[in-house]
Protein backbone atom coordinates (compact mmCIF):
# COMPACT_ATOMS: atom_id res chain seq x y z
CA MET A 1 14.04 -14.47 0.19
CA ASN A 2 14.72 -13.63 3.84
CA LEU A 3 11.56 -14.24 5.90
CA ILE A 4 13.21 -13.36 9.21
CA PRO A 5 12.39 -9.75 10.06
CA GLU A 6 15.33 -7.48 10.67
CA LYS A 7 15.87 -6.52 14.27
CA LYS A 8 15.38 -2.79 14.62
CA GLU A 9 18.37 -1.01 16.12
CA SER A 10 17.60 0.77 19.36
CA PRO A 11 18.26 4.53 19.64
CA ILE A 12 20.85 3.86 22.38
CA ARG A 13 22.82 1.46 20.18
CA ARG A 14 22.60 3.90 17.27
CA LEU A 15 23.93 6.69 19.50
CA ILE A 16 26.83 4.56 20.78
CA ARG A 17 27.69 3.40 17.25
CA GLY A 18 27.69 7.03 16.08
CA MET A 19 29.92 8.06 18.97
CA LEU A 20 32.40 5.31 18.15
CA HIS A 21 32.53 6.15 14.45
CA PRO A 22 36.22 6.46 13.41
CA GLY A 23 35.60 9.88 11.87
CA LEU A 24 34.50 11.22 15.24
CA MET A 25 37.54 10.05 17.20
CA PRO A 26 39.80 13.01 16.25
CA TRP A 27 37.00 15.36 17.26
CA ALA A 28 36.72 13.55 20.57
CA GLY A 29 40.41 14.09 21.25
CA ARG A 30 40.17 17.75 20.39
CA GLY A 31 37.07 18.02 22.51
CA VAL A 32 38.97 16.63 25.50
CA LEU A 33 41.73 19.19 24.93
CA ALA A 34 39.16 21.98 24.59
CA ILE A 35 37.51 20.93 27.85
CA THR A 36 40.94 20.72 29.50
CA ASP A 37 41.82 24.20 28.27
CA GLN A 38 38.56 25.70 29.47
CA GLY A 39 38.78 23.62 32.66
CA LEU A 40 42.14 25.19 33.48
CA PHE A 41 40.88 28.66 32.67
CA ALA A 42 37.55 28.16 34.45
CA GLY A 43 39.25 26.46 37.37
CA SER A 44 41.55 29.45 37.73
CA ASN A 45 38.66 31.90 37.90
CA LEU A 46 36.66 29.55 40.14
CA LEU A 47 39.58 29.37 42.58
CA LEU A 48 39.91 33.15 42.42
CA ASN A 49 36.22 33.59 43.25
CA VAL A 50 36.28 30.96 45.99
CA PHE A 51 39.29 32.51 47.71
CA LEU A 52 37.80 35.98 47.39
CA ALA A 53 34.50 34.74 48.87
CA ARG A 54 36.39 33.18 51.80
CA TRP A 55 38.87 36.01 52.43
CA LEU A 56 36.80 39.13 51.67
CA SER A 57 33.76 40.37 53.52
CA PRO A 58 30.40 39.85 51.73
CA THR A 59 30.28 43.57 50.95
CA ASP A 60 33.78 43.61 49.39
CA TYR A 61 33.05 40.43 47.45
CA GLY A 62 29.82 42.04 46.28
CA VAL A 63 31.87 44.92 44.84
CA PHE A 64 33.96 42.41 42.89
CA ALA A 65 30.81 40.61 41.71
CA LEU A 66 29.36 43.88 40.42
CA ALA A 67 32.57 44.85 38.59
CA TYR A 68 32.94 41.35 37.18
CA SER A 69 29.38 41.47 35.80
CA VAL A 70 30.36 44.61 33.85
CA PHE A 71 33.48 42.80 32.62
CA VAL A 72 31.28 39.92 31.40
CA LEU A 73 29.35 42.42 29.27
CA PHE A 74 32.65 43.58 27.74
CA SER A 75 33.66 39.98 27.08
CA PHE A 76 30.35 39.24 25.34
CA LEU A 77 30.69 42.25 23.04
CA HIS A 78 34.38 41.47 22.41
CA SER A 79 33.55 37.88 21.51
CA ALA A 80 30.76 38.93 19.15
CA THR A 81 32.97 41.49 17.40
CA LEU A 82 36.21 39.50 17.11
CA VAL A 83 36.12 35.91 18.38
CA GLU A 84 32.92 34.51 16.86
CA PRO A 85 33.58 35.90 13.35
CA MET A 86 37.17 34.61 13.63
CA LEU A 87 35.86 31.09 14.27
CA VAL A 88 33.70 31.30 11.14
CA PHE A 89 36.00 33.13 8.69
CA GLY A 90 39.33 31.79 10.00
CA PRO A 91 38.86 28.14 8.94
CA ALA A 92 37.32 29.12 5.59
CA LYS A 93 38.00 32.54 4.07
CA TYR A 94 41.42 33.21 5.63
CA LYS A 95 42.69 29.67 6.21
CA ASP A 96 45.72 30.19 3.92
CA ARG A 97 46.75 33.53 5.52
CA LEU A 98 46.03 33.08 9.17
CA ASP A 99 49.17 34.90 10.33
CA GLU A 100 48.08 38.10 8.55
CA TYR A 101 44.51 37.66 9.72
CA MET A 102 45.53 37.26 13.36
CA GLY A 103 47.77 40.32 13.20
CA ILE A 104 44.81 42.39 11.98
CA LEU A 105 42.59 40.99 14.73
CA MET A 106 45.10 41.84 17.45
CA ARG A 107 45.32 45.43 16.23
CA GLY A 108 41.55 45.52 16.04
CA HIS A 109 41.34 44.27 19.62
CA PHE A 110 43.04 47.38 21.00
CA LEU A 111 41.08 49.70 18.72
CA VAL A 112 37.82 48.19 20.00
CA MET A 113 38.83 48.22 23.67
CA LEU A 114 40.21 51.79 23.81
CA PRO A 115 36.83 53.60 23.79
CA VAL A 116 35.39 50.94 26.12
CA ALA A 117 38.18 51.56 28.64
CA LEU A 118 37.77 55.34 28.47
CA LEU A 119 34.01 55.13 28.99
CA THR A 120 34.44 52.72 31.92
CA ALA A 121 36.96 55.04 33.56
CA ALA A 122 34.59 58.00 33.20
CA VAL A 123 31.72 56.04 34.76
CA GLY A 124 34.00 54.86 37.58
CA ILE A 125 35.05 58.42 38.39
CA ALA A 126 31.42 59.58 38.46
CA ILE A 127 30.25 56.69 40.68
CA GLY A 128 33.21 57.11 43.03
CA ARG A 129 32.46 60.80 43.48
CA TRP A 130 28.68 60.69 43.87
CA SER A 131 27.69 57.15 44.89
CA SER A 132 30.12 54.47 46.08
CA ILE A 133 33.89 54.91 46.37
CA PRO A 134 34.70 51.13 46.38
CA VAL A 135 32.56 50.51 43.28
CA GLY A 136 34.12 53.53 41.55
CA HIS A 137 37.63 52.28 42.27
CA ALA A 138 36.72 48.80 40.98
CA LEU A 139 35.41 50.24 37.69
CA LEU A 140 38.57 52.33 37.28
CA ALA A 141 40.63 49.17 37.74
CA LEU A 142 38.41 47.38 35.22
CA ALA A 143 39.08 50.11 32.65
CA TRP A 144 42.80 49.27 32.38
CA THR A 145 42.68 45.54 33.16
CA SER A 146 39.89 44.41 30.79
CA PRO A 147 41.89 44.97 27.53
CA LEU A 148 44.73 42.82 28.89
CA ILE A 149 42.43 40.05 30.11
CA LEU A 150 40.41 39.90 26.89
CA LEU A 151 43.57 39.79 24.76
CA SER A 152 44.43 36.42 26.27
CA TRP A 153 40.89 35.22 25.58
CA LEU A 154 41.24 36.17 21.90
CA LEU A 155 44.62 34.44 21.60
CA ARG A 156 43.38 31.25 23.22
CA ARG A 157 40.46 31.03 20.80
CA ALA A 158 42.78 31.63 17.82
CA PHE A 159 44.14 28.11 18.19
CA TYR A 160 40.63 26.70 17.75
CA VAL A 161 40.57 28.01 14.18
CA GLU A 162 43.06 25.30 13.19
CA LEU A 163 41.52 22.89 15.72
CA GLN A 164 44.71 22.88 17.84
CA PRO A 165 43.45 23.54 21.39
CA VAL A 166 46.60 21.95 22.83
CA TRP A 167 48.43 25.31 22.72
CA ALA A 168 45.50 27.05 24.35
CA THR A 169 45.74 24.39 27.06
CA PHE A 170 49.39 25.28 27.71
CA GLY A 171 48.33 28.90 27.94
CA GLY A 172 45.71 27.87 30.50
CA ILE A 173 48.38 26.16 32.61
CA LEU A 174 50.48 29.33 32.60
CA TYR A 175 47.45 31.45 33.52
CA LEU A 176 46.56 29.14 36.42
CA ALA A 177 50.09 29.15 37.86
CA ALA A 178 50.50 32.91 37.49
CA MET A 179 47.06 33.69 38.90
CA LEU A 180 47.56 31.54 42.01
CA GLY A 181 51.01 33.02 42.64
CA LEU A 182 49.82 36.60 42.33
CA LEU A 183 46.67 35.92 44.37
CA PHE A 184 48.51 34.40 47.32
CA ALA A 185 51.12 37.16 47.16
CA ALA A 186 48.40 39.82 47.40
CA HIS A 187 46.74 37.99 50.29
CA SER A 188 50.00 37.48 52.19
CA ILE A 189 50.83 41.19 52.17
CA ARG A 190 47.21 42.10 53.04
CA ILE A 191 46.36 44.12 49.93
CA LEU A 192 43.67 41.80 48.53
CA SER A 193 40.52 43.64 47.40
CA ALA A 194 38.25 43.88 44.38
CA VAL A 195 40.79 46.17 42.71
CA THR A 196 43.81 43.94 43.31
CA ALA A 197 41.79 40.88 42.27
CA LEU A 198 41.28 42.46 38.85
CA ALA A 199 44.99 43.29 38.75
CA VAL A 200 45.79 39.64 39.51
CA MET A 201 43.64 38.54 36.55
CA SER A 202 45.32 41.01 34.20
CA GLY A 203 48.85 40.09 35.35
CA ALA A 204 48.21 36.39 34.78
CA SER A 205 46.65 37.18 31.40
CA VAL A 206 49.74 39.13 30.26
CA ILE A 207 52.01 36.18 31.10
CA ALA A 208 49.77 33.73 29.22
CA SER A 209 49.40 36.13 26.26
CA LEU A 210 53.16 36.44 25.77
CA PHE A 211 53.47 32.66 25.47
CA LEU A 212 50.52 32.41 23.07
CA ILE A 213 51.79 35.23 20.84
CA VAL A 214 55.19 33.53 20.50
CA ARG A 215 53.49 30.28 19.46
CA LEU A 216 50.89 31.92 17.21
CA ARG A 217 53.40 34.18 15.42
CA PRO A 218 50.96 36.69 13.93
CA ARG A 219 52.13 38.98 11.14
CA TRP A 220 52.00 42.52 12.46
CA ARG A 221 52.07 44.23 9.07
CA SER A 222 50.29 43.25 5.86
CA GLY A 223 51.95 43.72 2.49
CA SER A 224 50.51 45.70 -0.40
CA ASP A 225 48.90 42.52 -1.75
CA GLY A 226 47.90 41.27 1.70
CA ILE A 227 44.60 41.21 3.53
CA LYS A 228 43.09 44.64 3.98
CA SER A 229 42.06 45.64 7.47
CA SER A 230 39.00 47.36 6.05
CA GLU A 231 37.95 44.11 4.36
CA VAL A 232 38.24 42.18 7.64
CA ALA A 233 36.32 44.89 9.49
CA THR A 234 33.56 44.77 6.88
CA PHE A 235 33.18 40.99 7.04
CA HIS A 236 33.31 40.96 10.83
CA TRP A 237 30.72 43.69 11.16
CA ARG A 238 28.45 42.17 8.50
CA TYR A 239 28.49 38.88 10.39
CA GLY A 240 28.89 40.21 13.90
CA ARG A 241 26.32 43.01 14.01
CA TRP A 242 23.65 40.53 14.99
CA SER A 243 26.05 38.82 17.37
CA VAL A 244 26.85 42.16 19.03
CA ALA A 245 23.15 42.80 19.55
CA ALA A 246 22.69 39.21 20.74
CA ALA A 247 25.63 39.57 23.16
CA ALA A 248 24.14 42.72 24.65
CA VAL A 249 20.79 41.07 25.34
CA ALA A 250 22.41 37.73 26.31
CA TRP A 251 24.20 39.54 29.14
CA ILE A 252 20.92 40.65 30.73
CA PRO A 253 19.41 37.34 31.98
CA VAL A 254 22.39 36.36 34.15
CA ASN A 255 24.25 39.56 34.98
CA ILE A 256 21.73 42.34 35.44
CA TYR A 257 20.91 41.01 38.91
CA TYR A 258 24.36 42.01 40.19
CA LEU A 259 23.71 45.63 39.22
CA VAL A 260 20.21 45.98 40.69
CA MET A 261 20.23 43.64 43.70
CA PRO A 262 22.48 45.91 45.84
CA ALA A 263 19.63 48.46 45.82
CA TRP A 264 17.25 45.84 47.28
CA VAL A 265 19.32 43.46 49.41
CA GLY A 266 22.72 45.19 49.53
CA LEU A 267 26.09 44.16 48.11
CA ALA A 268 25.97 41.07 50.32
CA GLY A 269 23.00 39.81 48.26
CA ALA A 270 25.03 40.19 45.07
CA ALA A 271 27.86 38.29 46.78
CA ALA A 272 25.50 35.42 47.71
CA LEU A 273 24.26 35.11 44.12
CA ARG A 274 27.85 35.17 42.83
CA ALA A 275 28.77 32.42 45.32
CA LEU A 276 25.92 30.27 43.96
CA MET A 277 26.99 30.87 40.37
CA ASN A 278 30.51 29.74 41.31
CA VAL A 279 29.06 26.31 42.08
CA ILE A 280 27.58 25.82 38.59
CA ASN A 281 30.33 27.67 36.72
CA PRO A 282 32.37 24.50 36.00
CA VAL A 283 29.59 23.23 33.72
CA LEU A 284 29.03 26.67 32.19
CA HIS A 285 32.72 26.91 31.32
CA VAL A 286 32.68 23.44 29.76
CA LEU A 287 29.84 24.61 27.53
CA VAL A 288 31.80 27.74 26.65
CA ALA A 289 34.82 25.56 25.82
CA LEU A 290 32.92 23.29 23.47
CA SER A 291 31.06 26.04 21.62
CA PRO A 292 34.06 27.40 19.65
CA LEU A 293 35.09 23.84 18.78
CA LEU A 294 31.56 22.91 17.75
CA ILE A 295 31.07 25.87 15.40
CA PRO A 296 33.80 24.90 12.84
CA VAL A 297 32.60 21.27 12.94
CA LEU A 298 29.02 22.34 12.21
CA VAL A 299 30.25 24.67 9.46
CA ARG A 300 31.81 21.66 7.73
CA ASN A 301 28.74 19.49 8.36
CA ARG A 302 26.54 22.20 6.88
CA MET A 303 28.07 21.48 3.47
CA ASN A 304 26.75 17.90 3.66
CA GLY A 305 23.16 18.90 4.39
CA PRO A 306 20.92 19.23 7.46
CA LYS A 307 21.06 15.51 8.35
CA SER A 308 24.80 15.66 8.95
CA MET A 309 24.46 18.81 11.05
CA ASN A 310 21.54 17.41 13.05
CA ARG A 311 23.42 14.20 13.77
CA THR A 312 26.36 16.09 15.28
CA ALA A 313 23.99 18.39 17.18
CA ILE A 314 22.01 15.48 18.67
CA ILE A 315 25.11 13.57 19.76
CA SER A 316 26.63 16.72 21.28
CA LEU A 317 23.41 17.64 23.08
CA THR A 318 22.95 14.13 24.48
CA LEU A 319 26.46 14.06 25.92
CA LEU A 320 26.12 17.55 27.39
CA VAL A 321 22.75 16.87 29.02
CA LEU A 322 23.99 13.59 30.52
CA GLY A 323 27.07 15.28 31.92
CA ALA A 324 25.17 18.29 33.27
CA GLY A 325 22.53 16.03 34.80
CA PHE A 326 25.10 13.93 36.62
CA PHE A 327 26.87 17.06 37.89
CA SER A 328 23.62 18.65 39.08
CA LEU A 329 22.46 15.54 40.92
CA SER A 330 25.84 15.10 42.63
CA VAL A 331 26.02 18.74 43.75
CA TRP A 332 22.45 18.67 45.09
CA LEU A 333 22.98 15.47 47.08
CA PHE A 334 26.21 16.78 48.64
CA ARG A 335 25.37 20.49 48.74
CA LYS A 336 26.24 20.92 52.43
CA GLN A 337 29.66 19.46 51.89
CA VAL A 338 30.11 21.61 48.76
CA PHE A 339 29.39 24.86 50.63
CA GLN A 340 31.63 23.77 53.49
CA LEU A 341 34.48 22.92 51.12
CA LEU A 342 34.22 26.08 49.02
CA TYR A 343 33.25 28.73 51.53
CA GLY A 344 33.92 27.29 54.95
CA GLY A 345 30.19 27.11 55.68
CA LYS A 346 29.31 30.60 54.41
CA TYR A 347 26.25 31.03 52.15
CA GLN A 348 24.72 27.76 53.44
CA GLN A 349 21.27 29.38 53.47
CA SER A 350 21.29 29.51 49.65
CA SER A 351 20.64 25.81 49.02
CA ILE A 352 17.08 26.27 47.65
CA PRO A 353 18.13 28.86 45.01
CA LEU A 354 20.90 26.42 44.07
CA MET A 355 18.25 23.93 42.92
CA PHE A 356 16.89 26.35 40.32
CA LEU A 357 20.38 27.15 39.04
CA LEU A 358 21.20 23.45 38.68
CA LEU A 359 18.00 22.89 36.70
CA SER A 360 18.85 25.82 34.44
CA LEU A 361 22.02 24.00 33.34
CA LEU A 362 19.95 21.53 31.30
CA ALA A 363 18.32 24.35 29.33
CA THR A 364 21.72 26.00 28.90
CA CYS A 365 23.02 22.82 27.21
CA ILE A 366 20.28 23.20 24.59
CA VAL A 367 21.10 26.88 24.12
CA THR A 368 24.81 26.11 23.62
CA VAL A 369 24.33 23.55 20.85
CA LEU A 370 21.58 25.36 18.97
CA SER A 371 23.29 28.77 19.14
CA ALA A 372 26.44 27.17 17.68
CA GLY A 373 24.27 25.74 14.90
CA GLN A 374 22.80 29.16 14.19
CA MET A 375 26.25 30.72 13.95
CA ALA A 376 27.46 27.88 11.71
CA MET A 377 24.57 28.66 9.34
CA GLU A 378 25.59 32.36 9.50
CA ARG A 379 22.25 33.22 11.11
CA PRO A 380 23.15 34.85 14.44
CA ASP A 381 19.95 36.90 14.15
CA GLY A 382 18.08 33.88 15.55
CA ASN A 383 20.33 33.96 18.62
CA PHE A 384 19.56 37.65 19.03
CA TRP A 385 15.80 37.21 19.06
CA SER A 386 16.08 34.21 21.40
CA TYR A 387 18.04 36.30 23.90
CA VAL A 388 15.55 39.14 23.46
CA ALA A 389 12.80 36.78 24.59
CA SER A 390 14.93 35.56 27.50
CA SER A 391 15.81 39.13 28.52
CA ALA A 392 12.17 40.17 28.38
CA VAL A 393 11.31 37.38 30.84
CA THR A 394 14.17 38.53 33.07
CA ILE A 395 13.01 42.15 33.13
CA LEU A 396 9.27 41.45 33.40
CA VAL A 397 9.41 38.44 35.76
CA GLY A 398 12.94 37.86 37.07
CA LEU A 399 13.64 41.33 38.46
CA PRO A 400 10.29 41.59 40.29
CA LEU A 401 10.97 38.14 41.79
CA ALA A 402 14.44 39.28 42.90
CA ALA A 403 12.98 42.45 44.46
CA TRP A 404 10.37 40.38 46.32
CA ARG A 405 12.31 37.22 47.25
CA GLY A 406 15.95 38.31 47.06
CA VAL A 407 18.49 35.69 45.99
CA GLU A 408 15.86 32.95 45.70
CA GLY A 409 13.78 35.13 43.36
CA ALA A 410 16.84 35.86 41.22
CA ALA A 411 17.55 32.13 40.89
CA GLU A 412 13.93 31.48 39.87
CA GLY A 413 14.20 34.23 37.27
CA LEU A 414 17.41 32.72 35.91
CA PHE A 415 15.71 29.33 35.53
CA LEU A 416 12.70 30.78 33.70
CA SER A 417 14.81 32.87 31.33
CA SER A 418 17.04 29.88 30.43
CA CYS A 419 13.97 27.79 29.54
CA VAL A 420 12.61 30.55 27.32
CA ALA A 421 16.00 30.90 25.60
CA ALA A 422 16.16 27.15 24.90
CA GLY A 423 12.67 27.04 23.40
CA SER A 424 13.28 30.09 21.24
CA MET A 425 16.63 28.73 20.02
CA TYR A 426 14.95 25.53 18.83
CA ILE A 427 12.30 27.44 16.87
CA PHE A 428 14.85 29.65 15.10
CA PHE A 429 17.26 26.75 14.48
CA ARG A 430 14.57 24.73 12.71
CA ARG A 431 13.43 27.77 10.73
CA SER A 432 17.00 28.47 9.56
CA GLN A 433 17.45 24.88 8.43
CA LEU A 434 14.18 24.90 6.49
CA GLU A 435 15.09 28.17 4.78
CA ARG A 436 18.55 26.87 3.83
CA THR A 437 17.08 23.60 2.51
CA GLY A 438 14.58 25.54 0.41
CA LEU A 439 17.34 27.70 -1.09
CA GLU A 440 19.43 24.64 -1.93
CA ILE A 441 16.45 23.00 -3.67
CA LYS A 442 15.83 26.15 -5.73
CA ASP A 443 19.52 26.35 -6.69
CA SER A 444 19.60 22.71 -7.78
CA GLU A 445 16.39 23.14 -9.82
CA TYR A 446 17.83 26.22 -11.51
CA ALA A 447 21.09 24.41 -12.29
CA LEU A 448 19.18 21.41 -13.70
CA GLY A 449 16.96 23.62 -15.87
CA HIS A 450 19.96 25.58 -17.14
CA ARG A 451 21.78 22.34 -18.03
CA THR A 452 18.69 20.93 -19.82
CA ALA A 453 18.23 24.09 -21.87
CA LYS A 454 21.91 24.06 -22.83
CA ASP A 455 21.73 20.40 -23.93
CA SER A 456 18.66 21.06 -26.03
CA LEU A 457 20.53 23.73 -27.98
């Protein structure tokens, strides 16, 4: 009999032991590739925004910020309709016929984007005629560039279905090189503007897309016994209808400020807020990179019960919060040098709003992990209601703060809405797990009763 009490393992040691588990090492390697891929892509867009902020006037950069906020809405809806369902159904339902599945998705991409482009062009013409010519021209450019840009986003995410982000990383390298070349060419011949900046993004996206299509090799036509496009559309809509609604309301807390602030503080105010968001965008893009990799992992863990899913979620959240915290502290301590490096000293007066945006990163880490868990449990409705709560705070509190305090008020509103989103996500995540556990218990009891009755006969 052992009379020596066992030494209780500390939470830190348990976390480190879990992180070093051999089964997690392949995921770590893929995670590094996913971060590298998104780092290249995010770095490209960060460099684009930094150069535009340095080379364009605040008003012209404000036009780009406004048009880009509309593009972000398109990207959210596109992701909810095509990308998110692909990450759920690709590794499970269509894993043996991915080439057919991807061909259907690419055709669906252009069918989805055609009405969006036509509507954007109509709005751009109306705004250019009756309100602002530069904004109208930027929206017209967005109408024909957004389908090309979002195609590359879809293709990059396709490689996450088979957990092969290495090819998406190569696509990111091509995008970075092409974007920088086109950007400097436009600047050297003095044609750089919000319109040509969107053209630069679309040109680089086309080059990257051609490479990714060659590597992906989708099947453009399905045989008579192949996957039906109508079947894919049904599954995507059945899953994605909540994600589409969630994407629409998720756009509001961050991006609505760019549309309304010009009425209160001018396009220069929108440019200042965009410049601040550029500073925290590296972390935001890392979170975006890990989300599509985390969803298939959580889908597999879901089969082993809530403990397995929670373990992955806790480890992921701990790593993300530690990384975001270190980044935020470093940026805050060296904020003067950061603004000098990025913008040549412009937008220095925005250091206080920067503090609220850095704090919001910690809440965004929670949102990223728990929203991935909700999608893995096929319950995106929880994400929708969480973003509804966050959007309500933005409209009722954030916008009045922005009207009263300008850029600082907008940053405070962003911080409040991110905290509300994180709290709501936790509530719905726990509720979804409890519901799923209850259903599994009922199924097992039914199976046991059926087996007992059969044996008695």
